[in-house]
Amino acid sequence: MFQGESFLILVASNAPVDLPKLTNYFFYPTLQAENKLYGYEKTVVKAGDVTDYRTWLQAAPAPLAASERPESVIGNKSIWTNMTADDWEPHESFVTINPQDLTQYSLGYNLSMVFYSKNQYVEYMTDGGTPTELEIYISENYTGEDATSTWTQINDQLSCQINSTTSTPFIGTPYPGDQKLGAGDPDGKKDTSRNADGKWVRNEMNLNTYKSSKSFAVKFRIVSLYEGPGKPSSGSAGRPGRYYISDVHFKASEE
């Protein structure tokens, strides 16, 4: 048997041979700088209390991702934004990952998108709600311009695992923070069994229904849920939080 550097495998045998199904990590950006060369670009809609040059900075990648990260991916980073509340000026920014042509894998492959995320230092407002959120969107027709593309939020579609790559997944990203009910649960989304505060979460989405997309993109958006300036009307215990994204990648696995 001879296996080439790509998907080509040549086999000569007088008996049946079970060939391994291969996985092609066809897009695995390093995120090591804010540049399409490294897989993404950022947009600051409202800087608020977070200055432009302090948004989506580089840090170490998610250790949780090491077990499935290809050896060829080196120098990769996570990206993060630390929300502050000096004057309670709301912040909004997002990063858009380079679009991908999924049609090249329309036959014979299962497609999926995987990324790792982490929220940290989210302190609930006095009504018990989160002051910030990380929203994830996809576009099947990304034009290169955010405003002229059609976006769909997918937080409630993602298969998630907290601090694990082997545990049973659940659907929907965990609510930010430590899930403690405290003053209440105004959004009705807290789940004490899904406390991801300060932990890496593995997120995966099946992309088989999007194989006809020639320009498929994913966007990560941080948004404040309070109005400013001044302290939110509901009050707050302190910090709005910090959000990380790491090891965003697309893969095609042989059926």
Protein backbone atom coordinates (compact mmCIF):
# COMPACT_ATOMS: atom_id res chain seq x y z
CA MET A 1 0.00 0.00 0.00
CA PHE A 2 1.21 3.51 -0.84
CA GLN A 3 -0.30 6.63 0.71
CA GLY A 4 0.43 9.98 -0.89
CA GLU A 5 0.60 13.32 0.87
CA SER A 6 -3.07 14.04 0.17
CA PHE A 7 -6.07 11.71 -0.14
CA LEU A 8 -4.48 9.38 -2.73
CA ILE A 9 -3.95 5.81 -1.52
CA LEU A 10 -2.85 3.02 -3.88
CA VAL A 11 -3.42 -0.57 -2.75
CA ALA A 12 -2.39 -3.86 -4.39
CA SER A 13 -3.78 -6.91 -2.58
CA ASN A 14 -5.22 -10.34 -3.28
CA ALA A 15 -7.57 -9.97 -0.30
CA PRO A 16 -10.08 -7.32 0.72
CA VAL A 17 -8.51 -4.38 2.52
CA ASP A 18 -10.28 -2.07 4.94
CA LEU A 19 -8.99 1.39 4.17
CA PRO A 20 -9.00 4.07 6.86
CA LYS A 21 -11.34 6.99 6.33
CA LEU A 22 -9.32 10.16 6.09
CA THR A 23 -10.06 13.63 7.39
CA ASN A 24 -8.92 16.74 5.56
CA TYR A 25 -8.55 19.84 7.72
CA PHE A 26 -8.95 22.05 4.69
CA PHE A 27 -8.96 25.35 6.58
CA TYR A 28 -7.22 25.75 9.93
CA PRO A 29 -6.09 29.39 10.35
CA THR A 30 -3.49 30.30 12.96
CA LEU A 31 -5.14 33.59 14.04
CA GLN A 32 -1.66 34.82 14.95
CA ALA A 33 -2.31 38.35 13.65
CA GLU A 34 -5.28 40.42 12.55
CA ASN A 35 -4.94 39.79 8.85
CA LYS A 36 -6.69 37.64 6.25
CA LEU A 37 -3.32 35.95 5.76
CA TYR A 38 -3.85 34.44 9.21
CA GLY A 39 -7.53 33.75 8.73
CA TYR A 40 -9.64 36.65 9.97
CA GLU A 41 -10.40 40.34 10.07
CA LYS A 42 -11.93 42.37 12.89
CA THR A 43 -14.50 45.14 12.96
CA VAL A 44 -15.12 47.47 15.90
CA VAL A 45 -18.67 48.82 15.74
CA LYS A 46 -18.63 50.60 19.11
CA ALA A 47 -15.41 50.77 21.10
CA GLY A 48 -17.09 51.90 24.31
CA ASP A 49 -14.81 51.20 27.27
CA VAL A 50 -12.54 48.97 25.15
CA THR A 51 -10.13 50.90 22.93
CA ASP A 52 -9.75 49.64 19.36
CA TYR A 53 -6.22 48.32 19.81
CA ARG A 54 -7.34 46.26 22.84
CA THR A 55 -9.92 44.23 20.93
CA TRP A 56 -9.26 40.69 19.70
CA LEU A 57 -5.71 40.38 20.96
CA GLN A 58 -3.56 37.24 20.68
CA ALA A 59 -3.02 34.75 23.51
CA ALA A 60 -2.07 31.09 23.88
CA PRO A 61 -4.36 28.63 22.07
CA ALA A 62 -6.83 26.39 23.87
CA PRO A 63 -4.97 23.47 25.50
CA LEU A 64 -8.15 21.42 25.10
CA ALA A 65 -7.72 21.54 21.31
CA ALA A 66 -4.23 19.99 21.33
CA SER A 67 -5.50 16.43 20.95
CA GLU A 68 -7.14 17.10 17.57
CA ARG A 69 -4.93 19.89 16.25
CA PRO A 70 -2.93 18.68 13.20
CA GLU A 71 0.86 18.65 13.62
CA SER A 72 1.13 20.91 10.57
CA VAL A 73 -0.67 23.73 12.42
CA ILE A 74 2.03 25.64 14.26
CA GLY A 75 2.24 29.11 15.74
CA ASN A 76 -1.51 29.29 16.23
CA LYS A 77 -3.09 31.63 18.78
CA SER A 78 -6.40 32.31 20.44
CA ILE A 79 -7.95 35.78 20.15
CA TRP A 80 -9.70 37.60 22.99
CA THR A 81 -11.36 40.83 24.08
CA ASN A 82 -11.53 41.99 27.69
CA MET A 83 -14.67 43.96 28.46
CA THR A 84 -14.21 46.77 30.96
CA ALA A 85 -16.72 49.04 32.65
CA ASP A 86 -14.95 52.27 33.54
CA ASP A 87 -17.86 54.42 32.38
CA TRP A 88 -20.26 51.61 31.40
CA GLU A 89 -19.98 52.57 27.74
CA PRO A 90 -21.26 49.56 25.74
CA HIS A 91 -18.91 47.75 23.38
CA GLU A 92 -19.60 45.87 20.14
CA SER A 93 -17.05 44.21 17.86
CA PHE A 94 -16.74 41.10 15.76
CA VAL A 95 -14.29 38.98 13.81
CA THR A 96 -15.08 37.34 10.47
CA ILE A 97 -13.21 34.18 9.52
CA ASN A 98 -12.10 33.87 5.89
CA PRO A 99 -14.95 32.49 3.74
CA GLN A 100 -14.70 28.97 2.35
CA ASP A 101 -15.95 27.25 -0.82
CA LEU A 102 -17.74 24.16 0.46
CA THR A 103 -18.81 22.93 -2.98
CA GLN A 104 -15.44 21.24 -3.51
CA TYR A 105 -16.50 18.71 -0.85
CA SER A 106 -20.08 18.25 -2.02
CA LEU A 107 -19.66 14.52 -2.78
CA GLY A 108 -18.26 11.80 -0.55
CA TYR A 109 -17.54 13.87 2.55
CA ASN A 110 -19.07 14.88 5.84
CA LEU A 111 -18.33 18.53 6.55
CA SER A 112 -18.10 20.21 9.92
CA MET A 113 -16.87 23.37 11.60
CA VAL A 114 -15.15 23.28 15.00
CA PHE A 115 -13.94 26.03 17.31
CA TYR A 116 -13.14 26.54 20.98
CA SER A 117 -14.49 29.36 23.12
CA LYS A 118 -14.14 30.58 26.69
CA ASN A 119 -15.87 33.21 28.82
CA GLN A 120 -14.24 34.57 31.95
CA TYR A 121 -14.86 37.27 34.59
CA VAL A 122 -18.54 37.68 33.70
CA GLU A 123 -20.26 39.14 36.77
CA TYR A 124 -24.03 39.27 36.60
CA MET A 125 -26.03 42.47 36.86
CA THR A 126 -28.22 42.88 39.93
CA ASP A 127 -31.22 41.39 38.11
CA GLY A 128 -29.14 38.23 37.59
CA GLY A 129 -28.61 38.71 33.85
CA THR A 130 -25.35 38.66 31.93
CA PRO A 131 -23.95 42.08 30.93
CA THR A 132 -22.38 40.73 27.70
CA GLU A 133 -22.68 37.89 25.22
CA LEU A 134 -20.68 36.16 22.51
CA GLU A 135 -22.90 35.61 19.47
CA ILE A 136 -21.94 33.28 16.62
CA TYR A 137 -23.28 33.77 13.10
CA ILE A 138 -22.87 32.05 9.73
CA SER A 139 -23.40 33.31 6.19
CA GLU A 140 -23.93 31.17 3.10
CA ASN A 141 -23.40 34.11 0.75
CA TYR A 142 -20.62 36.18 2.25
CA THR A 143 -19.85 39.04 -0.14
CA GLY A 144 -16.79 40.38 1.66
CA GLU A 145 -18.94 43.08 3.25
CA ASP A 146 -20.83 42.42 6.46
CA ALA A 147 -23.82 44.63 5.64
CA THR A 148 -24.48 43.03 2.23
CA SER A 149 -24.25 39.44 3.51
CA THR A 150 -27.05 37.41 5.08
CA TRP A 151 -26.27 36.25 8.63
CA THR A 152 -27.95 33.60 10.81
CA GLN A 153 -27.19 33.23 14.52
CA ILE A 154 -26.28 29.64 15.42
CA ASN A 155 -25.62 29.66 19.18
CA ASP A 156 -28.63 27.36 19.69
CA GLN A 157 -27.46 24.93 16.99
CA LEU A 158 -23.94 24.19 18.17
CA SER A 159 -22.94 20.88 19.71
CA CYS A 160 -20.95 21.78 22.86
CA GLN A 161 -18.67 20.06 25.37
CA ILE A 162 -17.32 21.88 28.45
CA ASN A 163 -13.66 21.25 29.22
CA SER A 164 -13.80 17.96 27.29
CA THR A 165 -13.51 16.43 23.84
CA THR A 166 -14.97 13.06 24.85
CA SER A 167 -18.02 13.84 27.02
CA THR A 168 -21.57 13.64 25.68
CA PRO A 169 -22.30 16.87 23.77
CA PHE A 170 -25.28 19.09 24.46
CA ILE A 171 -26.92 21.57 22.09
CA GLY A 172 -26.59 25.32 22.55
CA THR A 173 -23.75 27.44 23.90
CA PRO A 174 -23.69 27.82 27.70
CA TYR A 175 -25.02 31.05 29.20
CA PRO A 176 -22.09 33.34 30.12
CA GLY A 177 -20.92 33.33 33.72
CA ASP A 178 -21.10 30.77 36.53
CA GLN A 179 -24.85 29.99 36.15
CA LYS A 180 -25.64 30.95 39.77
CA LEU A 181 -29.20 32.12 40.05
CA GLY A 182 -28.35 34.94 42.45
CA ALA A 183 -30.93 37.67 41.95
CA GLY A 184 -32.64 35.68 39.23
CA ASP A 185 -32.52 34.39 35.67
CA PRO A 186 -34.17 37.11 33.54
CA ASP A 187 -33.15 35.51 30.25
CA GLY A 188 -34.30 32.03 31.30
CA LYS A 189 -31.09 30.47 30.04
CA LYS A 190 -29.07 29.58 33.12
CA ASP A 191 -28.30 25.90 33.66
CA THR A 192 -26.20 24.96 36.70
CA SER A 193 -25.13 21.73 34.96
CA ARG A 194 -23.50 23.76 32.19
CA ASN A 195 -21.15 26.05 34.09
CA ALA A 196 -18.45 27.03 31.57
CA ASP A 197 -17.11 30.00 33.52
CA GLY A 198 -13.33 30.12 32.93
CA LYS A 199 -13.41 26.83 30.98
CA TRP A 200 -12.80 26.04 27.33
CA VAL A 201 -15.82 24.82 25.39
CA ARG A 202 -15.53 22.72 22.24
CA ASN A 203 -18.17 23.79 19.70
CA GLU A 204 -19.03 21.83 16.54
CA MET A 205 -21.56 22.27 13.74
CA ASN A 206 -22.44 19.87 10.94
CA LEU A 207 -22.14 21.65 7.58
CA ASN A 208 -23.54 18.99 5.26
CA THR A 209 -26.61 21.11 4.50
CA TYR A 210 -24.36 23.95 3.33
CA LYS A 211 -22.37 22.07 0.68
CA SER A 212 -23.80 24.28 -2.08
CA SER A 213 -22.24 27.41 -0.56
CA LYS A 214 -19.30 28.88 -2.46
CA SER A 215 -18.73 31.57 0.15
CA PHE A 216 -19.44 30.24 3.63
CA ALA A 217 -18.31 32.43 6.53
CA VAL A 218 -18.53 32.44 10.32
CA LYS A 219 -18.60 35.55 12.51
CA PHE A 220 -17.99 35.95 16.25
CA ARG A 221 -19.66 39.02 17.78
CA ILE A 222 -19.25 40.43 21.28
CA VAL A 223 -22.06 42.73 22.40
CA SER A 224 -22.94 44.63 25.59
CA LEU A 225 -26.47 44.19 26.88
CA TYR A 226 -26.56 47.46 28.80
CA GLU A 227 -26.95 51.04 27.61
CA GLY A 228 -24.55 53.87 28.48
CA PRO A 229 -22.98 56.02 29.51
CA GLY A 230 -23.40 55.45 33.20
CA LYS A 231 -24.05 52.32 35.20
CA PRO A 232 -26.78 50.03 33.80
CA SER A 233 -30.21 50.71 35.23
CA SER A 234 -30.23 47.17 36.61
CA GLY A 235 -26.90 47.74 38.33
CA SER A 236 -23.92 45.41 38.21
CA ALA A 237 -21.59 43.57 40.55
CA GLY A 238 -18.51 44.52 38.56
CA ARG A 239 -16.87 43.15 35.40
CA PRO A 240 -18.63 42.61 32.07
CA GLY A 241 -16.27 39.75 31.17
CA ARG A 242 -13.67 38.46 28.74
CA TYR A 243 -14.18 36.22 25.69
CA TYR A 244 -11.75 33.94 23.84
CA ILE A 245 -11.92 32.15 20.48
CA SER A 246 -9.39 29.47 19.48
CA ASP A 247 -8.71 26.77 16.89
CA VAL A 248 -11.45 27.66 14.42
CA HIS A 249 -11.31 25.09 11.62
CA PHE A 250 -13.24 23.33 8.88
CA LYS A 251 -12.83 19.65 8.09
CA ALA A 252 -14.01 17.16 5.48
CA SER A 253 -14.20 13.52 6.56
CA GLU A 254 -14.64 10.70 4.07
CA GLU A 255 -18.07 9.09 4.27
